[in-house]
């Protein structure tokens, strides 16, 4: 992967910046435009490979120069000296500044965050009542809770109390809202006499799957947590969608609300345990996975200086 970096350097720091950046292997197409405005300084632009990006961004931080980083999908013409595709290629080191920026950007708890949790809960509640696994999967995809979960994990990894507190409060408020709305929804369905026959007679295969946490629930949550970290650091969006479909958070919240509406207290207890189990394991595995990846890349010496330093741009 190639990144395009744009920075505005104070005139007195431009020579030092250009000298430092040009000396890093992996930097190409370095352009300096003197006399840029807003902010005042010299515009410096260049491309850099992902393997050298952490070192470049660390140098920019040392010089206190903010930068705009954008992935470059394709560079034309293709480099004829580039290695041919192989069955097993070496992974590129994560660009930690981009990884953390992506996590922090998703940790914005606007009203839409809570609305999506409520909507996802309603979809899951309908799936539970009708024994529809398709609706349960749809609810998992709609739910935005993983952004808050991985933000808390990053906060633990970075010892940032604000990120931890805000993420946990957002999860608590969001899941509480989803549970209450599902409770009202269940009471309405029950009061109107529209409860599906199978659900009312106790034939609830989907519900039983959600409110019965076991060893396999732990295994799935741990593997999903690791998958989430690897997909974020490897910029693999498809794998991240798989995480959304794997974890039983939204369905468990919907089950809590429905169980309260129908007075199924043992199912409510099981669903609450399922919800807590998934959230806690995802946070713990996420924090541990981020820390482990930093150490692995640092040990291999291919991540530059940014593994152990702060990576905000």
C-alpha atoms as a PDB file:
ATOM      1  CA  UNK A   1       0.000   0.000   0.000  1.00  0.00           C
ATOM      2  CA  UNK A   2       1.139   3.510  -0.829  1.00  0.00           C
ATOM      3  CA  UNK A   3       0.210   6.607   1.170  1.00  0.00           C
ATOM      4  CA  UNK A   4       0.137  10.209   0.014  1.00  0.00           C
ATOM      5  CA  UNK A   5       1.167  12.708   2.691  1.00  0.00           C
ATOM      6  CA  UNK A   6       0.572  16.451   2.575  1.00  0.00           C
ATOM      7  CA  UNK A   7       2.058  18.819   5.140  1.00  0.00           C
ATOM      8  CA  UNK A   8       2.538  22.557   5.562  1.00  0.00           C
ATOM      9  CA  UNK A   9       5.958  23.230   7.029  1.00  0.00           C
ATOM     10  CA  UNK A  10       7.048  26.493   8.671  1.00  0.00           C
ATOM     11  CA  UNK A  11       9.693  28.016   6.367  1.00  0.00           C
ATOM     12  CA  UNK A  12      12.445  27.526   8.928  1.00  0.00           C
ATOM     13  CA  UNK A  13      11.741  23.790   9.228  1.00  0.00           C
ATOM     14  CA  UNK A  14      11.296  22.909   5.571  1.00  0.00           C
ATOM     15  CA  UNK A  15      14.936  22.083   4.819  1.00  0.00           C
ATOM     16  CA  UNK A  16      15.209  19.810   7.854  1.00  0.00           C
ATOM     17  CA  UNK A  17      11.923  18.103   6.948  1.00  0.00           C
ATOM     18  CA  UNK A  18      12.864  17.517   3.310  1.00  0.00           C
ATOM     19  CA  UNK A  19      16.311  16.210   4.260  1.00  0.00           C
ATOM     20  CA  UNK A  20      14.898  13.832   6.861  1.00  0.00           C
ATOM     21  CA  UNK A  21      12.074  12.543   4.676  1.00  0.00           C
ATOM     22  CA  UNK A  22      14.199  12.140   1.542  1.00  0.00           C
ATOM     23  CA  UNK A  23      16.658   9.977   3.481  1.00  0.00           C
ATOM     24  CA  UNK A  24      13.965   7.400   4.357  1.00  0.00           C
ATOM     25  CA  UNK A  25      13.778   4.484   1.963  1.00  0.00           C
ATOM     26  CA  UNK A  26      10.287   4.165   0.562  1.00  0.00           C
ATOM     27  CA  UNK A  27       9.645   7.881   0.019  1.00  0.00           C
ATOM     28  CA  UNK A  28       9.010   8.952  -3.589  1.00  0.00           C
ATOM     29  CA  UNK A  29       7.610  11.852  -5.609  1.00  0.00           C
ATOM     30  CA  UNK A  30       8.690  14.472  -3.076  1.00  0.00           C
ATOM     31  CA  UNK A  31       7.390  17.931  -4.023  1.00  0.00           C
ATOM     32  CA  UNK A  32       7.941  21.252  -2.234  1.00  0.00           C
ATOM     33  CA  UNK A  33       5.766  24.288  -2.987  1.00  0.00           C
ATOM     34  CA  UNK A  34       7.237  27.346  -1.247  1.00  0.00           C
ATOM     35  CA  UNK A  35       5.005  30.038   0.166  1.00  0.00           C
ATOM     36  CA  UNK A  36       1.772  28.153   0.869  1.00  0.00           C
ATOM     37  CA  UNK A  37      -0.974  30.035   2.696  1.00  0.00           C
ATOM     38  CA  UNK A  38      -3.511  29.104   5.395  1.00  0.00           C
ATOM     39  CA  UNK A  39      -1.506  28.126   7.340  1.00  0.00           C
ATOM     40  CA  UNK A  40       1.569  30.068   6.320  1.00  0.00           C
ATOM     41  CA  UNK A  41       4.525  27.950   5.287  1.00  0.00           C
ATOM     42  CA  UNK A  42       5.781  25.636   2.552  1.00  0.00           C
ATOM     43  CA  UNK A  43       3.592  22.863   1.157  1.00  0.00           C
ATOM     44  CA  UNK A  44       5.400  19.514   1.170  1.00  0.00           C
ATOM     45  CA  UNK A  45       3.873  16.477  -0.555  1.00  0.00           C
ATOM     46  CA  UNK A  46       5.220  12.993  -1.120  1.00  0.00           C
ATOM     47  CA  UNK A  47       4.270   9.334  -1.411  1.00  0.00           C
ATOM     48  CA  UNK A  48       5.519   6.683   0.973  1.00  0.00           C
ATOM     49  CA  UNK A  49       5.163   2.927   1.204  1.00  0.00           C
ATOM     50  CA  UNK A  50       3.336   1.536   4.225  1.00  0.00           C
ATOM     51  CA  UNK A  51       6.537  -0.141   5.452  1.00  0.00           C
ATOM     52  CA  UNK A  52       8.188   3.287   5.816  1.00  0.00           C
ATOM     53  CA  UNK A  53       5.101   5.259   6.855  1.00  0.00           C
ATOM     54  CA  UNK A  54       5.518   4.843  10.619  1.00  0.00           C
ATOM     55  CA  UNK A  55       9.070   6.230  10.498  1.00  0.00           C
ATOM     56  CA  UNK A  56       7.977   9.170   8.333  1.00  0.00           C
ATOM     57  CA  UNK A  57       5.042  10.054  10.578  1.00  0.00           C
ATOM     58  CA  UNK A  58       7.264   9.812  13.646  1.00  0.00           C
ATOM     59  CA  UNK A  59       9.653  12.285  12.033  1.00  0.00           C
ATOM     60  CA  UNK A  60       6.790  14.665  11.306  1.00  0.00           C
ATOM     61  CA  UNK A  61       5.757  14.499  14.960  1.00  0.00           C
ATOM     62  CA  UNK A  62       9.320  15.208  16.061  1.00  0.00           C
ATOM     63  CA  UNK A  63       9.223  18.381  13.970  1.00  0.00           C
ATOM     64  CA  UNK A  64       5.698  19.235  15.236  1.00  0.00           C
ATOM     65  CA  UNK A  65       4.361  19.363  11.666  1.00  0.00           C
ATOM     66  CA  UNK A  66       0.736  18.227  11.198  1.00  0.00           C
ATOM     67  CA  UNK A  67       0.020  16.115   8.146  1.00  0.00           C
ATOM     68  CA  UNK A  68      -2.866  14.857   6.062  1.00  0.00           C
ATOM     69  CA  UNK A  69      -2.532  11.174   5.120  1.00  0.00           C
ATOM     70  CA  UNK A  70      -4.487   9.533   2.305  1.00  0.00           C
ATOM     71  CA  UNK A  71      -4.209   5.967   0.970  1.00  0.00           C
ATOM     72  CA  UNK A  72      -3.340   5.707  -2.721  1.00  0.00           C
ATOM     73  CA  UNK A  73      -5.314   2.934  -4.393  1.00  0.00           C
ATOM     74  CA  UNK A  74      -3.287   2.763  -7.616  1.00  0.00           C
ATOM     75  CA  UNK A  75      -0.038   4.262  -8.861  1.00  0.00           C
ATOM     76  CA  UNK A  76       0.359   4.538 -12.657  1.00  0.00           C
ATOM     77  CA  UNK A  77       2.357   3.393 -14.420  1.00  0.00           C
ATOM     78  CA  UNK A  78       2.954   0.206 -12.474  1.00  0.00           C
ATOM     79  CA  UNK A  79       6.482  -0.280 -11.216  1.00  0.00           C
ATOM     80  CA  UNK A  80       8.143  -2.874 -13.519  1.00  0.00           C
ATOM     81  CA  UNK A  81      10.549  -3.773 -10.725  1.00  0.00           C
ATOM     82  CA  UNK A  82       7.723  -4.657  -8.330  1.00  0.00           C
ATOM     83  CA  UNK A  83       7.782  -8.300  -7.207  1.00  0.00           C
ATOM     84  CA  UNK A  84       5.439 -10.667  -8.959  1.00  0.00           C
ATOM     85  CA  UNK A  85       2.392 -11.901  -7.006  1.00  0.00           C
ATOM     86  CA  UNK A  86       3.199 -14.862  -4.784  1.00  0.00           C
ATOM     87  CA  UNK A  87       1.081 -17.479  -3.047  1.00  0.00           C
ATOM     88  CA  UNK A  88       2.372 -16.345   0.353  1.00  0.00           C
ATOM     89  CA  UNK A  89       3.445 -12.716   0.577  1.00  0.00           C
ATOM     90  CA  UNK A  90       4.888 -10.871   3.550  1.00  0.00           C
ATOM     91  CA  UNK A  91       2.461  -8.705   5.488  1.00  0.00           C
ATOM     92  CA  UNK A  92       3.032  -4.962   5.496  1.00  0.00           C
ATOM     93  CA  UNK A  93       3.380  -3.319   8.921  1.00  0.00           C
ATOM     94  CA  UNK A  94       0.286  -1.466  10.127  1.00  0.00           C
ATOM     95  CA  UNK A  95       0.378   2.299   9.781  1.00  0.00           C
ATOM     96  CA  UNK A  96      -0.533   2.967  13.398  1.00  0.00           C
ATOM     97  CA  UNK A  97      -1.509   6.580  12.813  1.00  0.00           C
ATOM     98  CA  UNK A  98      -4.184   5.471  10.335  1.00  0.00           C
ATOM     99  CA  UNK A  99      -5.347   2.583  12.529  1.00  0.00           C
ATOM    100  CA  UNK A 100      -5.835   4.816  15.556  1.00  0.00           C
ATOM    101  CA  UNK A 101      -7.349   7.643  13.502  1.00  0.00           C
ATOM    102  CA  UNK A 102      -9.891   5.166  12.095  1.00  0.00           C
ATOM    103  CA  UNK A 103     -10.790   3.936  15.590  1.00  0.00           C
ATOM    104  CA  UNK A 104     -11.088   7.458  16.989  1.00  0.00           C
ATOM    105  CA  UNK A 105     -13.224   8.619  14.048  1.00  0.00           C
ATOM    106  CA  UNK A 106     -15.671   5.773  14.709  1.00  0.00           C
ATOM    107  CA  UNK A 107     -15.818   6.683  18.405  1.00  0.00           C
ATOM    108  CA  UNK A 108     -18.221   9.561  17.803  1.00  0.00           C
ATOM    109  CA  UNK A 109     -21.383   8.998  19.792  1.00  0.00           C
ATOM    110  CA  UNK A 110     -23.835  11.204  17.931  1.00  0.00           C
ATOM    111  CA  UNK A 111     -27.605  10.636  18.163  1.00  0.00           C
ATOM    112  CA  UNK A 112     -27.353   8.395  15.088  1.00  0.00           C
ATOM    113  CA  UNK A 113     -25.174   5.984  17.093  1.00  0.00           C
ATOM    114  CA  UNK A 114     -27.956   5.441  19.635  1.00  0.00           C
ATOM    115  CA  UNK A 115     -30.671   5.377  16.975  1.00  0.00           C
ATOM    116  CA  UNK A 116     -28.851   2.636  15.069  1.00  0.00           C
ATOM    117  CA  UNK A 117     -28.558   0.599  18.269  1.00  0.00           C
ATOM    118  CA  UNK A 118     -32.299   0.979  18.851  1.00  0.00           C
ATOM    119  CA  UNK A 119     -33.159   0.112  15.239  1.00  0.00           C
ATOM    120  CA  UNK A 120     -30.846  -2.895  15.325  1.00  0.00           C
ATOM    121  CA  UNK A 121     -32.480  -4.002  18.587  1.00  0.00           C
ATOM    122  CA  UNK A 122     -35.942  -3.803  17.009  1.00  0.00           C
ATOM    123  CA  UNK A 123     -34.795  -5.857  14.020  1.00  0.00           C
ATOM    124  CA  UNK A 124     -33.294  -8.441  16.382  1.00  0.00           C
ATOM    125  CA  UNK A 125     -36.438  -8.489  18.525  1.00  0.00           C
ATOM    126  CA  UNK A 126     -38.527  -9.212  15.437  1.00  0.00           C
ATOM    127  CA  UNK A 127     -36.119 -11.970  14.481  1.00  0.00           C
ATOM    128  CA  UNK A 128     -36.384 -13.523  17.940  1.00  0.00           C
ATOM    129  CA  UNK A 129     -40.193 -13.440  17.918  1.00  0.00           C
ATOM    130  CA  UNK A 130     -40.408 -14.939  14.414  1.00  0.00           C
ATOM    131  CA  UNK A 131     -37.439 -17.327  14.797  1.00  0.00           C
ATOM    132  CA  UNK A 132     -35.751 -15.629  11.819  1.00  0.00           C
ATOM    133  CA  UNK A 133     -31.976 -16.056  11.791  1.00  0.00           C
ATOM    134  CA  UNK A 134     -31.754 -13.757   8.763  1.00  0.00           C
ATOM    135  CA  UNK A 135     -33.144 -10.856  10.791  1.00  0.00           C
ATOM    136  CA  UNK A 136     -30.697 -11.610  13.612  1.00  0.00           C
ATOM    137  CA  UNK A 137     -27.784 -11.408  11.173  1.00  0.00           C
ATOM    138  CA  UNK A 138     -29.198  -8.181   9.743  1.00  0.00           C
ATOM    139  CA  UNK A 139     -29.414  -6.676  13.224  1.00  0.00           C
ATOM    140  CA  UNK A 140     -25.780  -7.611  13.898  1.00  0.00           C
ATOM    141  CA  UNK A 141     -24.663  -5.802  10.749  1.00  0.00           C
ATOM    142  CA  UNK A 142     -26.689  -2.667  11.535  1.00  0.00           C
ATOM    143  CA  UNK A 143     -25.427  -2.328  15.126  1.00  0.00           C
ATOM    144  CA  UNK A 144     -22.597   0.241  15.488  1.00  0.00           C
ATOM    145  CA  UNK A 145     -21.421  -0.938  18.903  1.00  0.00           C
ATOM    146  CA  UNK A 146     -18.079  -2.375  17.756  1.00  0.00           C
ATOM    147  CA  UNK A 147     -16.765   1.152  17.152  1.00  0.00           C
ATOM    148  CA  UNK A 148     -17.286   1.965  20.824  1.00  0.00           C
ATOM    149  CA  UNK A 149     -15.912  -1.402  21.943  1.00  0.00           C
ATOM    150  CA  UNK A 150     -12.635  -1.083  20.021  1.00  0.00           C
ATOM    151  CA  UNK A 151     -12.347   2.542  21.152  1.00  0.00           C
ATOM    152  CA  UNK A 152     -12.449   1.372  24.771  1.00  0.00           C
ATOM    153  CA  UNK A 153      -9.853  -1.284  23.911  1.00  0.00           C
ATOM    154  CA  UNK A 154      -7.585   1.376  22.390  1.00  0.00           C
ATOM    155  CA  UNK A 155      -8.133   3.544  25.466  1.00  0.00           C
ATOM    156  CA  UNK A 156      -6.997   0.673  27.689  1.00  0.00           C
ATOM    157  CA  UNK A 157      -3.975   0.038  25.468  1.00  0.00           C
ATOM    158  CA  UNK A 158      -3.046   3.743  25.533  1.00  0.00           C
ATOM    159  CA  UNK A 159      -4.123   4.346  29.155  1.00  0.00           C
ATOM    160  CA  UNK A 160      -6.527   7.077  28.014  1.00  0.00           C
ATOM    161  CA  UNK A 161      -9.188   7.403  30.691  1.00  0.00           C
ATOM    162  CA  UNK A 162     -11.397   9.713  28.631  1.00  0.00           C
ATOM    163  CA  UNK A 163     -11.699   7.236  25.759  1.00  0.00           C
ATOM    164  CA  UNK A 164     -12.465   4.402  28.174  1.00  0.00           C
ATOM    165  CA  UNK A 165     -15.082   6.345  30.108  1.00  0.00           C
ATOM    166  CA  UNK A 166     -16.848   7.832  27.089  1.00  0.00           C
ATOM    167  CA  UNK A 167     -16.916   4.488  25.278  1.00  0.00           C
ATOM    168  CA  UNK A 168     -18.297   2.570  28.249  1.00  0.00           C
ATOM    169  CA  UNK A 169     -20.928   5.229  28.938  1.00  0.00           C
ATOM    170  CA  UNK A 170     -21.972   5.198  25.268  1.00  0.00           C
ATOM    171  CA  UNK A 171     -22.302   1.405  25.341  1.00  0.00           C
ATOM    172  CA  UNK A 172     -24.282   1.524  28.587  1.00  0.00           C
ATOM    173  CA  UNK A 173     -26.628   4.243  27.335  1.00  0.00           C
ATOM    174  CA  UNK A 174     -27.022   2.681  23.887  1.00  0.00           C
ATOM    175  CA  UNK A 175     -27.755  -0.846  25.078  1.00  0.00           C
ATOM    176  CA  UNK A 176     -30.076   0.461  27.780  1.00  0.00           C
ATOM    177  CA  UNK A 177     -32.034   2.415  25.177  1.00  0.00           C
ATOM    178  CA  UNK A 178     -32.224  -0.644  22.911  1.00  0.00           C
ATOM    179  CA  UNK A 179     -33.393  -2.858  25.802  1.00  0.00           C
ATOM    180  CA  UNK A 180     -36.093  -0.388  26.868  1.00  0.00           C
ATOM    181  CA  UNK A 181     -37.408   0.042  23.332  1.00  0.00           C
ATOM    182  CA  UNK A 182     -37.473  -3.739  22.853  1.00  0.00           C
ATOM    183  CA  UNK A 183     -39.311  -4.045  26.177  1.00  0.00           C
ATOM    184  CA  UNK A 184     -41.975  -1.587  24.999  1.00  0.00           C
ATOM    185  CA  UNK A 185     -42.115  -3.355  21.633  1.00  0.00           C
ATOM    186  CA  UNK A 186     -42.614  -6.723  23.335  1.00  0.00           C
ATOM    187  CA  UNK A 187     -45.324  -5.352  25.624  1.00  0.00           C
ATOM    188  CA  UNK A 188     -47.159  -3.906  22.615  1.00  0.00           C
ATOM    189  CA  UNK A 189     -46.972  -7.171  20.667  1.00  0.00           C
ATOM    190  CA  UNK A 190     -48.130  -9.118  23.728  1.00  0.00           C
ATOM    191  CA  UNK A 191     -50.904  -6.657  24.591  1.00  0.00           C
ATOM    192  CA  UNK A 192     -52.256  -6.678  21.053  1.00  0.00           C
ATOM    193  CA  UNK A 193     -52.283 -10.463  20.994  1.00  0.00           C
ATOM    194  CA  UNK A 194     -49.873 -10.624  18.037  1.00  0.00           C
ATOM    195  CA  UNK A 195     -47.292 -12.941  19.572  1.00  0.00           C
ATOM    196  CA  UNK A 196     -46.272 -15.575  16.991  1.00  0.00           C
ATOM    197  CA  UNK A 197     -47.674 -19.001  17.833  1.00  0.00           C
ATOM    198  CA  UNK A 198     -44.335 -20.802  18.059  1.00  0.00           C
ATOM    199  CA  UNK A 199     -42.894 -18.178  20.383  1.00  0.00           C
ATOM    200  CA  UNK A 200     -45.951 -18.223  22.645  1.00  0.00           C
ATOM    201  CA  UNK A 201     -45.805 -22.022  22.932  1.00  0.00           C
ATOM    202  CA  UNK A 202     -42.128 -21.942  23.954  1.00  0.00           C
ATOM    203  CA  UNK A 203     -40.647 -23.046  20.634  1.00  0.00           C
ATOM    204  CA  UNK A 204     -37.854 -20.457  20.512  1.00  0.00           C
ATOM    205  CA  UNK A 205     -34.724 -21.874  18.835  1.00  0.00           C
ATOM    206  CA  UNK A 206     -33.267 -18.446  18.049  1.00  0.00           C
ATOM    207  CA  UNK A 207     -33.997 -17.141  21.533  1.00  0.00           C
ATOM    208  CA  UNK A 208     -32.521 -20.271  23.135  1.00  0.00           C
ATOM    209  CA  UNK A 209     -29.326 -19.817  21.150  1.00  0.00           C
ATOM    210  CA  UNK A 210     -28.951 -16.223  22.366  1.00  0.00           C
ATOM    211  CA  UNK A 211     -29.755 -16.699  26.050  1.00  0.00           C
ATOM    212  CA  UNK A 212     -27.610 -19.795  26.555  1.00  0.00           C
ATOM    213  CA  UNK A 213     -23.973 -18.660  26.791  1.00  0.00           C
ATOM    214  CA  UNK A 214     -21.444 -21.472  26.927  1.00  0.00           C
ATOM    215  CA  UNK A 215     -17.858 -22.360  26.064  1.00  0.00           C
ATOM    216  CA  UNK A 216     -18.521 -21.843  22.379  1.00  0.00           C
ATOM    217  CA  UNK A 217     -19.781 -18.328  23.080  1.00  0.00           C
ATOM    218  CA  UNK A 218     -16.416 -17.588  24.672  1.00  0.00           C
ATOM    219  CA  UNK A 219     -14.511 -19.083  21.737  1.00  0.00           C
ATOM    220  CA  UNK A 220     -16.480 -17.066  19.158  1.00  0.00           C
ATOM    221  CA  UNK A 221     -16.095 -13.819  21.123  1.00  0.00           C
ATOM    222  CA  UNK A 222     -12.329 -14.296  21.497  1.00  0.00           C
ATOM    223  CA  UNK A 223     -11.818 -15.180  17.835  1.00  0.00           C
ATOM    224  CA  UNK A 224     -14.074 -12.304  16.747  1.00  0.00           C
ATOM    225  CA  UNK A 225     -12.061  -9.907  18.905  1.00  0.00           C
ATOM    226  CA  UNK A 226      -8.806 -11.042  17.327  1.00  0.00           C
ATOM    227  CA  UNK A 227     -10.350 -10.836  13.869  1.00  0.00           C
ATOM    228  CA  UNK A 228     -11.454  -7.277  14.543  1.00  0.00           C
ATOM    229  CA  UNK A 229      -7.950  -6.190  15.511  1.00  0.00           C
ATOM    230  CA  UNK A 230      -6.315  -7.914  12.540  1.00  0.00           C
ATOM    231  CA  UNK A 231      -8.883  -6.473  10.115  1.00  0.00           C
ATOM    232  CA  UNK A 232      -8.365  -2.953  11.463  1.00  0.00           C
ATOM    233  CA  UNK A 233      -4.573  -3.100  11.377  1.00  0.00           C
ATOM    234  CA  UNK A 234      -4.610  -4.823   7.990  1.00  0.00           C
ATOM    235  CA  UNK A 235      -7.287  -2.537   6.475  1.00  0.00           C
ATOM    236  CA  UNK A 236      -9.515  -5.476   5.608  1.00  0.00           C
ATOM    237  CA  UNK A 237     -13.066  -4.178   5.769  1.00  0.00           C
ATOM    238  CA  UNK A 238     -14.620  -7.484   4.720  1.00  0.00           C
ATOM    239  CA  UNK A 239     -13.223  -9.259   7.752  1.00  0.00           C
ATOM    240  CA  UNK A 240     -14.521  -6.479   9.995  1.00  0.00           C
ATOM    241  CA  UNK A 241     -18.058  -7.053   8.697  1.00  0.00           C
ATOM    242  CA  UNK A 242     -17.584 -10.680   9.698  1.00  0.00           C
ATOM    243  CA  UNK A 243     -16.954  -9.527  13.252  1.00  0.00           C
ATOM    244  CA  UNK A 244     -20.268  -7.666  13.292  1.00  0.00           C
ATOM    245  CA  UNK A 245     -22.051 -10.847  12.221  1.00  0.00           C
ATOM    246  CA  UNK A 246     -20.243 -13.023  14.777  1.00  0.00           C
ATOM    247  CA  UNK A 247     -20.806 -11.309  18.117  1.00  0.00           C
ATOM    248  CA  UNK A 248     -24.016 -11.633  20.095  1.00  0.00           C
ATOM    249  CA  UNK A 249     -24.435  -8.145  21.517  1.00  0.00           C
ATOM    250  CA  UNK A 250     -27.471  -6.555  19.853  1.00  0.00           C
ATOM    251  CA  UNK A 251     -29.444  -9.833  19.810  1.00  0.00           C
ATOM    252  CA  UNK A 252     -28.716 -10.294  23.522  1.00  0.00           C
ATOM    253  CA  UNK A 253     -29.947  -6.760  24.289  1.00  0.00           C
ATOM    254  CA  UNK A 254     -33.146  -7.429  22.317  1.00  0.00           C
ATOM    255  CA  UNK A 255     -33.603 -10.721  24.145  1.00  0.00           C
ATOM    256  CA  UNK A 256     -33.329  -8.959  27.503  1.00  0.00           C
ATOM    257  CA  UNK A 257     -36.115  -6.542  26.558  1.00  0.00           C
ATOM    258  CA  UNK A 258     -38.390  -9.249  25.159  1.00  0.00           C
ATOM    259  CA  UNK A 259     -37.788 -11.581  28.096  1.00  0.00           C
ATOM    260  CA  UNK A 260     -38.766  -8.798  30.511  1.00  0.00           C
ATOM    261  CA  UNK A 261     -41.915  -8.116  28.460  1.00  0.00           C
ATOM    262  CA  UNK A 262     -42.951 -11.779  28.593  1.00  0.00           C
ATOM    263  CA  UNK A 263     -41.798 -12.408  32.160  1.00  0.00           C
ATOM    264  CA  UNK A 264     -39.169 -14.970  31.119  1.00  0.00           C
ATOM    265  CA  UNK A 265     -36.696 -14.198  33.876  1.00  0.00           C
ATOM    266  CA  UNK A 266     -34.327 -17.136  33.371  1.00  0.00           C
ATOM    267  CA  UNK A 267     -33.972 -16.205  29.686  1.00  0.00           C
ATOM    268  CA  UNK A 268     -33.380 -12.599  30.700  1.00  0.00           C
ATOM    269  CA  UNK A 269     -30.541 -13.667  33.010  1.00  0.00           C
ATOM    270  CA  UNK A 270     -28.941 -15.770  30.281  1.00  0.00           C
ATOM    271  CA  UNK A 271     -29.185 -12.980  27.720  1.00  0.00           C
ATOM    272  CA  UNK A 272     -27.684 -10.467  30.159  1.00  0.00           C
ATOM    273  CA  UNK A 273     -24.773 -12.826  30.780  1.00  0.00           C
ATOM    274  CA  UNK A 274     -24.345 -13.283  27.014  1.00  0.00           C
ATOM    275  CA  UNK A 275     -24.235  -9.513  26.480  1.00  0.00           C
ATOM    276  CA  UNK A 276     -21.709  -8.894  29.255  1.00  0.00           C
ATOM    277  CA  UNK A 277     -19.595 -11.864  28.158  1.00  0.00           C
ATOM    278  CA  UNK A 278     -19.308 -10.617  24.578  1.00  0.00           C
ATOM    279  CA  UNK A 279     -18.635  -6.974  25.431  1.00  0.00           C
ATOM    280  CA  UNK A 280     -16.016  -7.750  28.092  1.00  0.00           C
ATOM    281  CA  UNK A 281     -14.207 -10.320  25.948  1.00  0.00           C
ATOM    282  CA  UNK A 282     -14.210  -8.076  22.862  1.00  0.00           C
ATOM    283  CA  UNK A 283     -12.721  -5.206  24.859  1.00  0.00           C
ATOM    284  CA  UNK A 284     -10.120  -7.387  26.583  1.00  0.00           C
ATOM    285  CA  UNK A 285      -9.082  -9.220  23.419  1.00  0.00           C
ATOM    286  CA  UNK A 286      -9.055  -5.958  21.452  1.00  0.00           C
ATOM    287  CA  UNK A 287      -6.740  -4.243  23.934  1.00  0.00           C
ATOM    288  CA  UNK A 288      -4.494  -7.285  24.174  1.00  0.00           C
ATOM    289  CA  UNK A 289      -4.460  -7.759  20.401  1.00  0.00           C
ATOM    290  CA  UNK A 290      -3.419  -4.154  19.753  1.00  0.00           C
ATOM    291  CA  UNK A 291      -0.652  -4.373  22.334  1.00  0.00           C
ATOM    292  CA  UNK A 292       0.559  -7.731  20.970  1.00  0.00           C
ATOM    293  CA  UNK A 293       0.688  -6.484  17.387  1.00  0.00           C
ATOM    294  CA  UNK A 294       2.733  -3.448  18.398  1.00  0.00           C
ATOM    295  CA  UNK A 295       5.256  -5.687  20.123  1.00  0.00           C
ATOM    296  CA  UNK A 296       5.431  -8.125  17.229  1.00  0.00           C
ATOM    297  CA  UNK A 297       6.060  -5.417  14.657  1.00  0.00           C
ATOM    298  CA  UNK A 298       8.504  -3.642  16.939  1.00  0.00           C
ATOM    299  CA  UNK A 299      10.446  -6.874  17.400  1.00  0.00           C
ATOM    300  CA  UNK A 300      10.618  -7.398  13.652  1.00  0.00           C
ATOM    301  CA  UNK A 301      11.873  -3.841  13.265  1.00  0.00           C
ATOM    302  CA  UNK A 302       9.588  -3.060  10.346  1.00  0.00           C
ATOM    303  CA  UNK A 303       7.100  -0.802  12.042  1.00  0.00           C
ATOM    304  CA  UNK A 304       9.388   2.148  12.570  1.00  0.00           C
ATOM    305  CA  UNK A 305       9.303   4.220  15.699  1.00  0.00           C
ATOM    306  CA  UNK A 306       5.537   4.630  15.784  1.00  0.00           C
ATOM    307  CA  UNK A 307       4.708   1.334  17.511  1.00  0.00           C
ATOM    308  CA  UNK A 308       5.799   2.578  20.894  1.00  0.00           C
ATOM    309  CA  UNK A 309       4.997   6.261  20.424  1.00  0.00           C
ATOM    310  CA  UNK A 310       1.710   8.119  20.305  1.00  0.00           C
ATOM    311  CA  UNK A 311       0.261   8.154  16.825  1.00  0.00           C
ATOM    312  CA  UNK A 312      -2.122  11.070  16.608  1.00  0.00           C
ATOM    313  CA  UNK A 313      -1.733  13.258  13.536  1.00  0.00           C
END
